[in-house]
Amino acid sequence: MLALLIPGPTTLSSNIDVYLAPLIDDLKDLWAEGVEVYDFFFKEKFTLRAILLWTISDYPVLGTLSGWKVKGKQACCVCGKDTPCRWLKNCRKYVDMGNRKRLRPGHPYRRRKSWFDNTVEEGTTRRIQSGNEIYDILKDFRNDFGRPLDKEAKRKRSDLLEDEVVQEEECDEGTDLWRWKKRSILFELIYLKVIFYVFSKS
């Protein structure tokens, strides 16, 4: 909710974890200890426990919560560095042209060249990483919250030359951390690595 309440250049971005910390503490208590509540129907008390099962958000907030990089030429959280992107010169932005990869083999749309980019799609999508795999990749990831004072301001798209491409900050693709900008505070919930797939399917 906080990510939606503060839009624009002053949005919390990765720093939202600082504001989510009290909520995470409450969720930890609800999972580990629970709270005693009264069941009016059965006339007895019981211990209520709760977990965070999933989140529902748009794509930018998906990146804010999960720590994935969801913009630029590697924006697809499934394809990653294999994202089949294309730079649109007139719009001055990247677009993902590989959505037909997700269709079943033999689907007629895979052969519809004129409807898309004048190519026959023969590729397949990558397997979504499991929560345990992601947890192992990020277990030693160091978060740097706050806004650096010496960071140069980004150039506006209107200031770019006609053929100039926006330069995105990309990590070294030789490491497993290239697609991450932070280790989400949600990983402090011990059960989240089992259900982390919700991020990629939101």
Protein backbone atom coordinates (compact mmCIF):
# COMPACT_ATOMS: atom_id res chain seq x y z
CA MET A 1 0.00 0.00 0.00
CA LEU A 2 2.82 2.42 0.85
CA ALA A 3 4.34 1.92 -2.59
CA LEU A 4 1.08 3.11 -4.15
CA LEU A 5 0.53 6.04 -1.79
CA ILE A 6 3.84 7.72 -2.66
CA PRO A 7 4.13 7.75 -6.47
CA GLY A 8 6.48 9.67 -8.72
CA PRO A 9 10.10 10.72 -8.14
CA THR A 10 9.69 10.64 -4.34
CA THR A 11 8.49 7.05 -4.26
CA LEU A 12 10.04 4.77 -1.65
CA SER A 13 11.37 2.27 -4.18
CA SER A 14 13.69 -0.23 -2.45
CA ASN A 15 13.51 1.80 0.75
CA ILE A 16 9.98 0.53 1.32
CA ASP A 17 11.56 -2.30 3.34
CA VAL A 18 12.29 0.21 6.11
CA TYR A 19 8.58 0.99 6.39
CA LEU A 20 7.56 -2.65 6.09
CA ALA A 21 9.75 -3.71 9.03
CA PRO A 22 7.01 -3.28 11.73
CA LEU A 23 4.58 -5.29 9.58
CA ILE A 24 7.17 -8.05 9.13
CA ASP A 25 7.72 -8.18 12.91
CA ASP A 26 3.97 -8.64 13.44
CA LEU A 27 3.82 -11.36 10.78
CA LYS A 28 6.70 -13.19 12.44
CA ASP A 29 4.83 -13.16 15.76
CA LEU A 30 1.60 -14.30 14.12
CA TRP A 31 3.41 -17.27 12.58
CA ALA A 32 5.64 -18.31 15.48
CA GLU A 33 3.46 -17.59 18.52
CA GLY A 34 0.04 -16.55 17.24
CA VAL A 35 -2.52 -14.66 19.26
CA GLU A 36 -5.19 -15.99 21.58
CA VAL A 37 -8.71 -15.24 20.34
CA TYR A 38 -12.19 -16.25 21.39
CA ASP A 39 -14.43 -18.38 19.16
CA PHE A 40 -17.97 -17.21 19.90
CA PHE A 41 -19.57 -20.19 18.11
CA PHE A 42 -17.69 -22.89 20.05
CA LYS A 43 -17.46 -20.76 23.23
CA GLU A 44 -13.75 -21.39 23.61
CA LYS A 45 -10.37 -19.74 23.09
CA PHE A 46 -7.82 -20.83 20.52
CA THR A 47 -4.47 -19.68 19.13
CA LEU A 48 -4.79 -17.91 15.81
CA ARG A 49 -1.81 -17.98 13.43
CA ALA A 50 -1.45 -16.20 10.11
CA ILE A 51 0.93 -16.07 7.14
CA LEU A 52 1.49 -13.77 4.19
CA LEU A 53 0.24 -15.94 1.34
CA TRP A 54 0.54 -13.66 -1.68
CA THR A 55 0.71 -10.06 -2.87
CA ILE A 56 -1.26 -8.42 -5.67
CA SER A 57 0.41 -5.54 -7.46
CA ASP A 58 1.26 -4.04 -10.82
CA TYR A 59 4.63 -4.70 -12.44
CA PRO A 60 6.59 -1.74 -11.00
CA VAL A 61 5.46 -2.55 -7.45
CA LEU A 62 6.37 -6.19 -8.09
CA GLY A 63 9.95 -5.00 -8.50
CA THR A 64 9.72 -2.80 -5.41
CA LEU A 65 8.53 -5.62 -3.16
CA SER A 66 10.53 -8.52 -4.54
CA GLY A 67 13.78 -6.74 -5.40
CA TRP A 68 13.70 -7.83 -9.05
CA LYS A 69 14.75 -5.41 -11.76
CA VAL A 70 11.59 -4.90 -13.78
CA LYS A 71 12.64 -2.19 -16.23
CA GLY A 72 15.13 -1.86 -19.02
CA LYS A 73 16.33 -4.44 -21.50
CA GLN A 74 16.25 -7.27 -18.94
CA ALA A 75 12.82 -6.50 -17.51
CA CYS A 76 11.18 -9.92 -17.78
CA CYS A 77 11.35 -11.67 -14.40
CA VAL A 78 11.21 -15.07 -16.11
CA CYS A 79 13.47 -14.55 -19.15
CA GLY A 80 15.99 -12.34 -17.34
CA LYS A 81 19.12 -11.71 -19.43
CA ASP A 82 17.51 -13.66 -22.28
CA THR A 83 14.65 -11.14 -22.54
CA PRO A 84 14.02 -10.64 -26.30
CA CYS A 85 13.78 -6.87 -26.10
CA ARG A 86 13.84 -4.29 -28.85
CA TRP A 87 14.64 -0.59 -28.64
CA LEU A 88 11.91 1.57 -30.19
CA LYS A 89 13.63 4.62 -31.62
CA ASN A 90 10.56 6.84 -31.85
CA CYS A 91 9.18 5.93 -28.41
CA ARG A 92 12.69 5.76 -26.91
CA LYS A 93 12.06 2.75 -24.74
CA TYR A 94 12.55 -1.02 -24.63
CA VAL A 95 9.70 -3.41 -25.40
CA ASP A 96 9.54 -7.17 -24.86
CA MET A 97 8.85 -8.90 -28.17
CA GLY A 98 8.94 -12.50 -26.95
CA ASN A 99 5.49 -13.03 -25.51
CA ARG A 100 4.69 -15.76 -28.04
CA LYS A 101 7.32 -17.97 -26.37
CA ARG A 102 4.78 -18.66 -23.65
CA LEU A 103 2.32 -20.22 -26.10
CA ARG A 104 2.18 -23.99 -26.41
CA PRO A 105 4.28 -25.57 -29.21
CA GLY A 106 2.34 -25.60 -32.46
CA HIS A 107 0.07 -22.68 -31.51
CA PRO A 108 -1.04 -20.89 -34.71
CA TYR A 109 0.07 -17.48 -33.37
CA ARG A 110 3.67 -18.70 -33.37
CA ARG A 111 3.54 -18.76 -37.18
CA ARG A 112 1.71 -15.44 -37.63
CA LYS A 113 4.65 -13.37 -38.80
CA SER A 114 2.69 -10.41 -40.14
CA TRP A 115 0.77 -9.95 -36.89
CA PHE A 116 3.92 -9.50 -34.84
CA ASP A 117 7.54 -8.87 -35.83
CA ASN A 118 7.73 -10.79 -39.14
CA THR A 119 9.33 -13.83 -37.52
CA VAL A 120 8.20 -17.35 -36.67
CA GLU A 121 8.49 -17.96 -32.93
CA GLU A 122 10.27 -21.21 -32.10
CA GLY A 123 11.65 -20.38 -28.66
CA THR A 124 10.52 -21.53 -25.23
CA THR A 125 10.47 -19.79 -21.87
CA ARG A 126 12.86 -20.47 -19.02
CA ARG A 127 11.82 -22.31 -15.89
CA ILE A 128 10.80 -20.01 -13.04
CA GLN A 129 13.30 -20.23 -10.20
CA SER A 130 11.98 -21.74 -6.99
CA GLY A 131 11.87 -19.83 -3.72
CA ASN A 132 14.67 -21.98 -2.29
CA GLU A 133 16.93 -21.22 -5.26
CA ILE A 134 16.28 -17.49 -4.95
CA TYR A 135 16.83 -17.62 -1.19
CA ASP A 136 20.25 -19.26 -1.68
CA ILE A 137 21.26 -16.66 -4.27
CA LEU A 138 20.34 -13.73 -2.03
CA LYS A 139 21.39 -15.06 1.37
CA ASP A 140 24.60 -12.94 1.36
CA PHE A 141 23.15 -9.97 -0.53
CA ARG A 142 23.84 -6.64 1.16
CA ASN A 143 21.12 -4.00 0.98
CA ASP A 144 22.10 -0.34 0.73
CA PHE A 145 19.06 1.67 1.71
CA GLY A 146 18.80 5.44 1.45
CA ARG A 147 19.47 7.79 -1.43
CA PRO A 148 23.12 8.53 -2.30
CA LEU A 149 23.83 12.27 -2.37
CA ASP A 150 26.47 12.12 -5.10
CA LYS A 151 24.39 10.21 -7.64
CA GLU A 152 24.09 12.04 -10.95
CA ALA A 153 20.60 12.92 -12.06
CA LYS A 154 19.23 10.75 -14.84
CA ARG A 155 18.74 12.37 -18.21
CA LYS A 156 15.18 12.80 -19.37
CA ARG A 157 14.11 10.86 -22.45
CA SER A 158 13.27 14.17 -24.15
CA ASP A 159 16.95 15.18 -23.82
CA LEU A 160 18.22 12.13 -25.71
CA LEU A 161 19.39 12.33 -29.29
CA GLU A 162 17.20 10.63 -31.88
CA ASP A 163 19.31 7.45 -32.13
CA GLU A 164 20.57 7.44 -28.53
CA VAL A 165 19.59 4.51 -26.31
CA VAL A 166 18.79 4.89 -22.64
CA GLN A 167 21.65 3.38 -20.64
CA GLU A 168 20.28 1.13 -17.93
CA GLU A 169 22.28 0.09 -14.88
CA GLU A 170 22.91 -3.62 -15.39
CA CYS A 171 24.86 -5.90 -13.06
CA ASP A 172 27.53 -8.31 -14.22
CA GLU A 173 25.62 -11.06 -15.99
CA GLY A 174 28.27 -13.57 -14.97
CA THR A 175 26.86 -13.65 -11.45
CA ASP A 176 23.51 -14.83 -10.09
CA LEU A 177 22.85 -11.40 -8.59
CA TRP A 178 22.59 -9.50 -11.86
CA ARG A 179 18.78 -9.41 -11.85
CA TRP A 180 18.41 -8.21 -8.24
CA LYS A 181 18.58 -4.74 -6.73
CA LYS A 182 17.95 -5.81 -3.12
CA ARG A 183 17.16 -8.72 -0.84
CA SER A 184 13.49 -8.28 0.03
CA ILE A 185 12.62 -7.91 3.71
CA LEU A 186 9.87 -10.45 3.06
CA PHE A 187 12.57 -13.13 3.11
CA GLU A 188 12.76 -12.63 6.87
CA LEU A 189 9.53 -14.64 6.97
CA ILE A 190 10.86 -18.18 7.29
CA TYR A 191 8.09 -19.68 5.15
CA LEU A 192 8.41 -17.23 2.25
CA LYS A 193 11.07 -19.18 0.35
CA VAL A 194 8.49 -21.94 -0.07
CA ILE A 195 5.87 -19.61 -1.60
CA PHE A 196 8.11 -17.01 -3.29
CA TYR A 197 6.71 -17.99 -6.69
CA VAL A 198 3.81 -15.61 -6.03
CA PHE A 199 6.05 -12.71 -7.08
CA SER A 200 6.57 -14.08 -10.54
CA LYS A 201 2.88 -14.85 -11.00
CA SER A 202 1.34 -11.68 -9.58
